[in-house]
PDB file of all heavy atoms in Angstrom:
ATOM      1  N   GLY A   1     -41.951 -40.283  56.261  1.00  0.00           N
ATOM      2  CA  GLY A   1     -42.387 -40.175  57.568  1.00  0.00           C
ATOM      3  C   GLY A   1     -43.305 -41.362  57.967  1.00  0.00           C
ATOM      4  O   GLY A   1     -43.317 -41.756  59.183  1.00  0.00           O
ATOM      5  N   GLY A   2     -44.157 -41.840  57.040  1.00  0.00           N
ATOM      6  CA  GLY A   2     -44.932 -42.957  57.513  1.00  0.00           C
ATOM      7  C   GLY A   2     -44.302 -44.284  57.291  1.00  0.00           C
ATOM      8  O   GLY A   2     -44.798 -45.302  57.827  1.00  0.00           O
ATOM      9  N   GLY A   3     -42.888 -44.309  56.830  1.00  0.00           N
ATOM     10  CA  GLY A   3     -42.326 -45.569  56.734  1.00  0.00           C
ATOM     11  C   GLY A   3     -41.469 -45.875  58.051  1.00  0.00           C
ATOM     12  O   GLY A   3     -41.625 -46.996  58.628  1.00  0.00           O
ATOM     13  N   CYS A   4     -40.762 -44.852  58.531  1.00  0.00           N
ATOM     14  CA  CYS A   4     -39.930 -45.051  59.721  1.00  0.00           C
ATOM     15  C   CYS A   4     -39.745 -43.603  60.389  1.00  0.00           C
ATOM     16  O   CYS A   4     -38.946 -42.800  59.745  1.00  0.00           O
ATOM     17  CB  CYS A   4     -38.634 -45.775  59.395  1.00  0.00           C
ATOM     18  SG  CYS A   4     -37.503 -45.886  60.864  1.00  0.00           S
ATOM     19  N   GLY A   5     -40.276 -43.406  61.470  1.00  0.00           N
ATOM     20  CA  GLY A   5     -40.292 -42.011  62.114  1.00  0.00           C
ATOM     21  C   GLY A   5     -38.735 -41.673  62.476  1.00  0.00           C
ATOM     22  O   GLY A   5     -38.386 -40.616  62.311  1.00  0.00           O
ATOM     23  N   ALA A   6     -37.930 -42.583  63.119  1.00  0.00           N
ATOM     24  CA  ALA A   6     -36.556 -42.353  63.543  1.00  0.00           C
ATOM     25  C   ALA A   6     -35.754 -41.892  62.179  1.00  0.00           C
ATOM     26  O   ALA A   6     -35.045 -40.951  62.278  1.00  0.00           O
ATOM     27  CB  ALA A   6     -35.988 -43.393  64.304  1.00  0.00           C
ATOM     28  N   THR A   7     -35.898 -42.764  61.134  1.00  0.00           N
ATOM     29  CA  THR A   7     -35.026 -42.508  60.008  1.00  0.00           C
ATOM     30  C   THR A   7     -35.505 -41.080  59.400  1.00  0.00           C
ATOM     31  O   THR A   7     -34.661 -40.326  59.018  1.00  0.00           O
ATOM     32  CB  THR A   7     -35.196 -43.594  58.955  1.00  0.00           C
ATOM     33  OG1 THR A   7     -34.765 -44.814  59.496  1.00  0.00           O
ATOM     34  CG2 THR A   7     -34.373 -43.357  57.700  1.00  0.00           C
ATOM     35  N   PHE A   8     -36.777 -40.963  59.361  1.00  0.00           N
ATOM     36  CA  PHE A   8     -37.354 -39.707  58.804  1.00  0.00           C
ATOM     37  C   PHE A   8     -36.774 -38.541  59.497  1.00  0.00           C
ATOM     38  O   PHE A   8     -36.467 -37.473  59.075  1.00  0.00           O
ATOM     39  CB  PHE A   8     -38.840 -39.718  58.811  1.00  0.00           C
ATOM     40  CG  PHE A   8     -39.597 -38.431  58.462  1.00  0.00           C
ATOM     41  CD1 PHE A   8     -39.397 -37.930  57.148  1.00  0.00           C
ATOM     42  CD2 PHE A   8     -40.170 -37.668  59.332  1.00  0.00           C
ATOM     43  CE1 PHE A   8     -40.035 -36.767  56.870  1.00  0.00           C
ATOM     44  CE2 PHE A   8     -40.694 -36.416  59.080  1.00  0.00           C
ATOM     45  CZ  PHE A   8     -40.649 -35.924  57.685  1.00  0.00           C
ATOM     46  N   PHE A   9     -36.828 -38.529  60.898  1.00  0.00           N
ATOM     47  CA  PHE A   9     -36.442 -37.495  61.763  1.00  0.00           C
ATOM     48  C   PHE A   9     -35.005 -36.988  61.446  1.00  0.00           C
ATOM     49  O   PHE A   9     -34.720 -35.776  61.428  1.00  0.00           O
ATOM     50  CB  PHE A   9     -36.638 -37.807  63.230  1.00  0.00           C
ATOM     51  CG  PHE A   9     -36.669 -36.686  64.167  1.00  0.00           C
ATOM     52  CD1 PHE A   9     -37.359 -35.448  63.853  1.00  0.00           C
ATOM     53  CD2 PHE A   9     -36.128 -36.751  65.281  1.00  0.00           C
ATOM     54  CE1 PHE A   9     -37.409 -34.398  64.666  1.00  0.00           C
ATOM     55  CE2 PHE A   9     -36.134 -35.693  66.329  1.00  0.00           C
ATOM     56  CZ  PHE A   9     -36.869 -34.596  65.912  1.00  0.00           C
ATOM     57  N   VAL A  10     -34.107 -37.963  61.340  1.00  0.00           N
ATOM     58  CA  VAL A  10     -32.751 -37.573  60.946  1.00  0.00           C
ATOM     59  C   VAL A  10     -32.719 -36.984  59.404  1.00  0.00           C
ATOM     60  O   VAL A  10     -31.978 -36.067  59.156  1.00  0.00           O
ATOM     61  CB  VAL A  10     -31.854 -38.811  61.119  1.00  0.00           C
ATOM     62  CG1 VAL A  10     -30.406 -38.561  60.484  1.00  0.00           C
ATOM     63  CG2 VAL A  10     -31.699 -39.186  62.533  1.00  0.00           C
ATOM     64  N   TRP A  11     -33.313 -37.721  58.570  1.00  0.00           N
ATOM     65  CA  TRP A  11     -33.298 -37.300  57.204  1.00  0.00           C
ATOM     66  C   TRP A  11     -33.844 -35.951  56.962  1.00  0.00           C
ATOM     67  O   TRP A  11     -33.355 -35.138  56.160  1.00  0.00           O
ATOM     68  CB  TRP A  11     -34.132 -38.302  56.376  1.00  0.00           C
ATOM     69  CG  TRP A  11     -34.301 -38.091  54.917  1.00  0.00           C
ATOM     70  CD1 TRP A  11     -33.364 -38.420  53.892  1.00  0.00           C
ATOM     71  CD2 TRP A  11     -35.566 -37.845  54.340  1.00  0.00           C
ATOM     72  NE1 TRP A  11     -33.986 -38.141  52.726  1.00  0.00           N
ATOM     73  CE2 TRP A  11     -35.327 -37.795  52.938  1.00  0.00           C
ATOM     74  CE3 TRP A  11     -36.842 -37.531  54.782  1.00  0.00           C
ATOM     75  CZ2 TRP A  11     -36.220 -37.458  51.965  1.00  0.00           C
ATOM     76  CZ3 TRP A  11     -37.801 -37.168  53.829  1.00  0.00           C
ATOM     77  CH2 TRP A  11     -37.505 -37.144  52.413  1.00  0.00           C
ATOM     78  N   ALA A  12     -34.983 -35.799  57.637  1.00  0.00           N
ATOM     79  CA  ALA A  12     -35.743 -34.420  57.443  1.00  0.00           C
ATOM     80  C   ALA A  12     -34.817 -33.055  57.931  1.00  0.00           C
ATOM     81  O   ALA A  12     -35.033 -32.071  57.259  1.00  0.00           O
ATOM     82  CB  ALA A  12     -37.057 -34.343  58.193  1.00  0.00           C
ATOM     83  N   GLN A  13     -34.154 -33.303  58.948  1.00  0.00           N
ATOM     84  CA  GLN A  13     -33.200 -32.272  59.324  1.00  0.00           C
ATOM     85  C   GLN A  13     -32.279 -31.779  58.281  1.00  0.00           C
ATOM     86  O   GLN A  13     -31.899 -30.518  58.105  1.00  0.00           O
ATOM     87  CB  GLN A  13     -32.555 -32.509  60.426  1.00  0.00           C
ATOM     88  CG  GLN A  13     -33.178 -33.297  61.713  1.00  0.00           C
ATOM     89  CD  GLN A  13     -34.276 -32.467  62.359  1.00  0.00           C
ATOM     90  OE1 GLN A  13     -34.218 -31.222  62.606  1.00  0.00           O
ATOM     91  NE2 GLN A  13     -35.507 -33.118  62.401  1.00  0.00           N
ATOM     92  N   HIS A  14     -31.833 -32.618  57.504  1.00  0.00           N
ATOM     93  CA  HIS A  14     -30.859 -32.425  56.475  1.00  0.00           C
ATOM     94  C   HIS A  14     -31.273 -31.513  55.357  1.00  0.00           C
ATOM     95  O   HIS A  14     -30.420 -30.604  54.906  1.00  0.00           O
ATOM     96  CB  HIS A  14     -30.516 -33.845  55.885  1.00  0.00           C
ATOM     97  CG  HIS A  14     -29.392 -33.854  54.666  1.00  0.00           C
ATOM     98  ND1 HIS A  14     -28.185 -33.936  54.882  1.00  0.00           N
ATOM     99  CD2 HIS A  14     -29.698 -33.847  53.367  1.00  0.00           C
ATOM    100  CE1 HIS A  14     -27.581 -33.946  53.672  1.00  0.00           C
ATOM    101  NE2 HIS A  14     -28.474 -33.896  52.698  1.00  0.00           N
ATOM    102  N   HIS A  15     -32.487 -31.547  54.983  1.00  0.00           N
ATOM    103  CA  HIS A  15     -33.014 -30.734  53.866  1.00  0.00           C
ATOM    104  C   HIS A  15     -32.942 -29.180  54.236  1.00  0.00           C
ATOM    105  O   HIS A  15     -32.777 -28.325  53.258  1.00  0.00           O
ATOM    106  CB  HIS A  15     -34.348 -31.165  53.428  1.00  0.00           C
ATOM    107  CG  HIS A  15     -34.440 -32.660  53.140  1.00  0.00           C
ATOM    108  ND1 HIS A  15     -33.703 -33.123  52.038  1.00  0.00           N
ATOM    109  CD2 HIS A  15     -35.148 -33.630  53.506  1.00  0.00           C
ATOM    110  CE1 HIS A  15     -33.938 -34.418  51.951  1.00  0.00           C
ATOM    111  NE2 HIS A  15     -34.791 -34.696  52.912  1.00  0.00           N
ATOM    112  N   GLY A  16     -33.050 -28.877  55.514  1.00  0.00           N
ATOM    113  CA  GLY A  16     -33.004 -27.395  55.734  1.00  0.00           C
ATOM    114  C   GLY A  16     -31.700 -26.957  55.401  1.00  0.00           C
ATOM    115  O   GLY A  16     -31.539 -25.692  55.107  1.00  0.00           O
ATOM    116  N   VAL A  17     -30.761 -27.703  55.777  1.00  0.00           N
ATOM    117  CA  VAL A  17     -29.324 -27.251  55.553  1.00  0.00           C
ATOM    118  C   VAL A  17     -28.995 -27.094  54.061  1.00  0.00           C
ATOM    119  O   VAL A  17     -28.353 -26.197  53.639  1.00  0.00           O
ATOM    120  CB  VAL A  17     -28.281 -28.162  56.202  1.00  0.00           C
ATOM    121  CG1 VAL A  17     -26.876 -27.584  56.185  1.00  0.00           C
ATOM    122  CG2 VAL A  17     -28.709 -28.476  57.724  1.00  0.00           C
ATOM    123  N   VAL A  18     -29.529 -28.168  53.322  1.00  0.00           N
ATOM    124  CA  VAL A  18     -29.319 -28.033  51.824  1.00  0.00           C
ATOM    125  C   VAL A  18     -30.006 -26.792  51.146  1.00  0.00           C
ATOM    126  O   VAL A  18     -29.376 -26.100  50.453  1.00  0.00           O
ATOM    127  CB  VAL A  18     -29.943 -29.295  51.107  1.00  0.00           C
ATOM    128  CG1 VAL A  18     -29.932 -29.186  49.708  1.00  0.00           C
ATOM    129  CG2 VAL A  18     -29.213 -30.597  51.566  1.00  0.00           C
ATOM    130  N   ARG A  19     -31.197 -26.453  51.719  1.00  0.00           N
ATOM    131  CA  ARG A  19     -31.945 -25.224  51.222  1.00  0.00           C
ATOM    132  C   ARG A  19     -31.084 -23.964  51.616  1.00  0.00           C
ATOM    133  O   ARG A  19     -31.035 -23.110  50.830  1.00  0.00           O
ATOM    134  CB  ARG A  19     -33.319 -25.213  51.774  1.00  0.00           C
ATOM    135  CG  ARG A  19     -34.282 -26.083  51.057  1.00  0.00           C
ATOM    136  CD  ARG A  19     -35.734 -25.811  51.572  1.00  0.00           C
ATOM    137  NE  ARG A  19     -35.898 -26.133  52.992  1.00  0.00           N
ATOM    138  CZ  ARG A  19     -36.309 -27.358  53.422  1.00  0.00           C
ATOM    139  NH1 ARG A  19     -36.595 -28.344  52.501  1.00  0.00           N
ATOM    140  NH2 ARG A  19     -36.532 -27.599  54.704  1.00  0.00           N
ATOM    141  N   ASP A  20     -30.579 -24.014  52.739  1.00  0.00           N
ATOM    142  CA  ASP A  20     -29.763 -22.783  53.185  1.00  0.00           C
ATOM    143  C   ASP A  20     -28.556 -22.627  52.380  1.00  0.00           C
ATOM    144  O   ASP A  20     -28.243 -21.474  51.945  1.00  0.00           O
ATOM    145  CB  ASP A  20     -29.363 -22.854  54.709  1.00  0.00           C
ATOM    146  CG  ASP A  20     -30.556 -22.338  55.606  1.00  0.00           C
ATOM    147  OD1 ASP A  20     -31.460 -21.749  55.131  1.00  0.00           O
ATOM    148  OD2 ASP A  20     -30.447 -22.536  56.894  1.00  0.00           O
ATOM    149  N   LEU A  21     -27.813 -23.706  52.134  1.00  0.00           N
ATOM    150  CA  LEU A  21     -26.640 -23.677  51.310  1.00  0.00           C
ATOM    151  C   LEU A  21     -26.869 -23.275  49.870  1.00  0.00           C
ATOM    152  O   LEU A  21     -26.113 -22.534  49.165  1.00  0.00           O
ATOM    153  CB  LEU A  21     -25.894 -24.947  51.495  1.00  0.00           C
ATOM    154  CG  LEU A  21     -24.762 -25.027  52.525  1.00  0.00           C
ATOM    155  CD1 LEU A  21     -23.914 -26.209  52.323  1.00  0.00           C
ATOM    156  CD2 LEU A  21     -23.866 -23.864  52.488  1.00  0.00           C
ATOM    157  N   ALA A  22     -28.030 -23.891  49.370  1.00  0.00           N
ATOM    158  CA  ALA A  22     -28.324 -23.587  47.921  1.00  0.00           C
ATOM    159  C   ALA A  22     -28.758 -22.207  47.718  1.00  0.00           C
ATOM    160  O   ALA A  22     -28.506 -21.685  46.584  1.00  0.00           O
ATOM    161  CB  ALA A  22     -29.503 -24.504  47.590  1.00  0.00           C
ATOM    162  N   THR A  23     -29.090 -21.402  48.660  1.00  0.00           N
ATOM    163  CA  THR A  23     -29.384 -20.103  48.516  1.00  0.00           C
ATOM    164  C   THR A  23     -28.311 -18.975  49.124  1.00  0.00           C
ATOM    165  O   THR A  23     -28.628 -17.878  49.193  1.00  0.00           O
ATOM    166  CB  THR A  23     -30.788 -19.663  49.217  1.00  0.00           C
ATOM    167  OG1 THR A  23     -30.780 -19.976  50.546  1.00  0.00           O
ATOM    168  CG2 THR A  23     -31.906 -20.403  48.405  1.00  0.00           C
ATOM    169  N   SER A  24     -27.211 -19.633  49.641  1.00  0.00           N
ATOM    170  CA  SER A  24     -26.269 -18.871  50.346  1.00  0.00           C
ATOM    171  C   SER A  24     -25.405 -18.012  49.322  1.00  0.00           C
ATOM    172  O   SER A  24     -24.990 -18.512  48.143  1.00  0.00           O
ATOM    173  CB  SER A  24     -25.237 -19.710  50.995  1.00  0.00           C
ATOM    174  OG  SER A  24     -24.233 -19.139  51.756  1.00  0.00           O
ATOM    175  N   ASP A  25     -25.017 -16.803  49.811  1.00  0.00           N
ATOM    176  CA  ASP A  25     -23.964 -16.041  48.961  1.00  0.00           C
ATOM    177  C   ASP A  25     -22.548 -16.482  49.170  1.00  0.00           C
ATOM    178  O   ASP A  25     -21.702 -16.128  48.403  1.00  0.00           O
ATOM    179  CB  ASP A  25     -24.109 -14.576  49.376  1.00  0.00           C
ATOM    180  CG  ASP A  25     -25.473 -14.014  49.083  1.00  0.00           C
ATOM    181  OD1 ASP A  25     -25.971 -14.334  48.049  1.00  0.00           O
ATOM    182  OD2 ASP A  25     -25.832 -12.961  49.732  1.00  0.00           O
ATOM    183  N   ASN A  26     -22.359 -17.503  50.192  1.00  0.00           N
ATOM    184  CA  ASN A  26     -21.106 -18.055  50.319  1.00  0.00           C
ATOM    185  C   ASN A  26     -20.936 -19.205  49.368  1.00  0.00           C
ATOM    186  O   ASN A  26     -21.143 -20.381  49.548  1.00  0.00           O
ATOM    187  CB  ASN A  26     -20.930 -18.600  51.702  1.00  0.00           C
ATOM    188  CG  ASN A  26     -19.489 -19.038  52.024  1.00  0.00           C
ATOM    189  OD1 ASN A  26     -18.644 -19.247  51.122  1.00  0.00           O
ATOM    190  ND2 ASN A  26     -19.257 -19.168  53.412  1.00  0.00           N
ATOM    191  N   THR A  27     -20.575 -18.888  48.037  1.00  0.00           N
ATOM    192  CA  THR A  27     -20.578 -19.844  47.027  1.00  0.00           C
ATOM    193  C   THR A  27     -19.461 -20.836  47.220  1.00  0.00           C
ATOM    194  O   THR A  27     -19.609 -21.965  46.799  1.00  0.00           O
ATOM    195  CB  THR A  27     -20.441 -19.137  45.651  1.00  0.00           C
ATOM    196  OG1 THR A  27     -19.280 -18.396  45.797  1.00  0.00           O
ATOM    197  CG2 THR A  27     -21.603 -18.321  45.337  1.00  0.00           C
ATOM    198  N   ASP A  28     -18.415 -20.501  47.818  1.00  0.00           N
ATOM    199  CA  ASP A  28     -17.283 -21.348  48.165  1.00  0.00           C
ATOM    200  C   ASP A  28     -17.768 -22.567  49.114  1.00  0.00           C
ATOM    201  O   ASP A  28     -17.467 -23.680  48.792  1.00  0.00           O
ATOM    202  CB  ASP A  28     -16.156 -20.683  48.761  1.00  0.00           C
ATOM    203  CG  ASP A  28     -15.315 -19.814  47.767  1.00  0.00           C
ATOM    204  OD1 ASP A  28     -15.582 -19.974  46.565  1.00  0.00           O
ATOM    205  OD2 ASP A  28     -14.624 -18.904  48.253  1.00  0.00           O
ATOM    206  N   LEU A  29     -18.542 -22.175  50.113  1.00  0.00           N
ATOM    207  CA  LEU A  29     -19.059 -23.229  51.020  1.00  0.00           C
ATOM    208  C   LEU A  29     -20.009 -24.124  50.331  1.00  0.00           C
ATOM    209  O   LEU A  29     -19.971 -25.313  50.589  1.00  0.00           O
ATOM    210  CB  LEU A  29     -19.710 -22.410  52.176  1.00  0.00           C
ATOM    211  CG  LEU A  29     -20.021 -23.194  53.533  1.00  0.00           C
ATOM    212  CD1 LEU A  29     -18.608 -23.706  54.172  1.00  0.00           C
ATOM    213  CD2 LEU A  29     -20.874 -22.430  54.294  1.00  0.00           C
ATOM    214  N   ALA A  30     -20.809 -23.462  49.458  1.00  0.00           N
ATOM    215  CA  ALA A  30     -21.856 -24.350  48.793  1.00  0.00           C
ATOM    216  C   ALA A  30     -21.101 -25.324  47.813  1.00  0.00           C
ATOM    217  O   ALA A  30     -21.559 -26.370  47.704  1.00  0.00           O
ATOM    218  CB  ALA A  30     -22.888 -23.407  47.975  1.00  0.00           C
ATOM    219  N   ALA A  31     -20.286 -24.785  47.100  1.00  0.00           N
ATOM    220  CA  ALA A  31     -19.432 -25.587  46.146  1.00  0.00           C
ATOM    221  C   ALA A  31     -18.676 -26.783  46.903  1.00  0.00           C
ATOM    222  O   ALA A  31     -18.458 -27.837  46.250  1.00  0.00           O
ATOM    223  CB  ALA A  31     -18.450 -24.775  45.280  1.00  0.00           C
ATOM    224  N   GLU A  32     -18.306 -26.531  48.150  1.00  0.00           N
ATOM    225  CA  GLU A  32     -17.615 -27.602  48.754  1.00  0.00           C
ATOM    226  C   GLU A  32     -18.420 -28.641  49.313  1.00  0.00           C
ATOM    227  O   GLU A  32     -18.101 -29.901  49.185  1.00  0.00           O
ATOM    228  CB  GLU A  32     -16.829 -27.069  49.910  1.00  0.00           C
ATOM    229  CG  GLU A  32     -16.014 -27.970  50.793  1.00  0.00           C
ATOM    230  CD  GLU A  32     -15.202 -27.347  51.827  1.00  0.00           C
ATOM    231  OE1 GLU A  32     -15.258 -26.082  52.115  1.00  0.00           O
ATOM    232  OE2 GLU A  32     -14.389 -28.121  52.636  1.00  0.00           O
ATOM    233  N   TYR A  33     -19.696 -28.308  49.739  1.00  0.00           N
ATOM    234  CA  TYR A  33     -20.450 -29.280  50.419  1.00  0.00           C
ATOM    235  C   TYR A  33     -21.860 -29.705  49.693  1.00  0.00           C
ATOM    236  O   TYR A  33     -22.395 -30.887  50.089  1.00  0.00           O
ATOM    237  CB  TYR A  33     -20.828 -28.678  51.835  1.00  0.00           C
ATOM    238  CG  TYR A  33     -19.749 -28.665  52.715  1.00  0.00           C
ATOM    239  CD1 TYR A  33     -19.262 -27.360  53.333  1.00  0.00           C
ATOM    240  CD2 TYR A  33     -19.017 -29.830  53.154  1.00  0.00           C
ATOM    241  CE1 TYR A  33     -18.190 -27.351  54.163  1.00  0.00           C
ATOM    242  CE2 TYR A  33     -17.874 -29.716  53.938  1.00  0.00           C
ATOM    243  CZ  TYR A  33     -17.529 -28.456  54.482  1.00  0.00           C
ATOM    244  OH  TYR A  33     -16.434 -28.401  55.352  1.00  0.00           O
ATOM    245  N   LEU A  34     -22.409 -28.964  48.748  1.00  0.00           N
ATOM    246  CA  LEU A  34     -23.565 -29.332  48.344  1.00  0.00           C
ATOM    247  C   LEU A  34     -23.797 -30.680  47.553  1.00  0.00           C
ATOM    248  O   LEU A  34     -24.689 -31.349  47.738  1.00  0.00           O
ATOM    249  CB  LEU A  34     -24.182 -28.166  47.426  1.00  0.00           C
ATOM    250  CG  LEU A  34     -25.007 -27.138  48.021  1.00  0.00           C
ATOM    251  CD1 LEU A  34     -25.596 -26.061  46.996  1.00  0.00           C
ATOM    252  CD2 LEU A  34     -26.205 -27.596  48.706  1.00  0.00           C
ATOM    253  N   ARG A  35     -22.738 -31.009  46.788  1.00  0.00           N
ATOM    254  CA  ARG A  35     -22.896 -32.339  45.969  1.00  0.00           C
ATOM    255  C   ARG A  35     -22.728 -33.506  46.956  1.00  0.00           C
ATOM    256  O   ARG A  35     -23.574 -34.397  46.912  1.00  0.00           O
ATOM    257  CB  ARG A  35     -21.745 -32.286  45.029  1.00  0.00           C
ATOM    258  CG  ARG A  35     -21.796 -33.558  44.229  1.00  0.00           C
ATOM    259  CD  ARG A  35     -20.917 -33.457  42.907  1.00  0.00           C
ATOM    260  NE  ARG A  35     -21.210 -32.305  42.062  1.00  0.00           N
ATOM    261  CZ  ARG A  35     -22.175 -32.527  41.081  1.00  0.00           C
ATOM    262  NH1 ARG A  35     -22.904 -33.631  41.045  1.00  0.00           N
ATOM    263  NH2 ARG A  35     -22.446 -31.274  40.369  1.00  0.00           N
ATOM    264  N   PRO A  36     -21.968 -33.517  47.999  1.00  0.00           N
ATOM    265  CA  PRO A  36     -22.008 -34.712  48.832  1.00  0.00           C
ATOM    266  C   PRO A  36     -23.249 -34.671  49.741  1.00  0.00           C
ATOM    267  O   PRO A  36     -23.643 -35.790  50.193  1.00  0.00           O
ATOM    268  CB  PRO A  36     -20.653 -34.652  49.679  1.00  0.00           C
ATOM    269  CG  PRO A  36     -20.156 -33.195  49.533  1.00  0.00           C
ATOM    270  CD  PRO A  36     -20.594 -32.749  48.194  1.00  0.00           C
TER     271      PRO A  36
END
């Protein structure tokens, strides 16, 4: 965030989706998307 606010703002949104998929019971969805 101290490096570039605009890049950080886009990058930061991404992690919440990763956390949600990582704890999802929809294992097929997680298996399809978590690695990329």
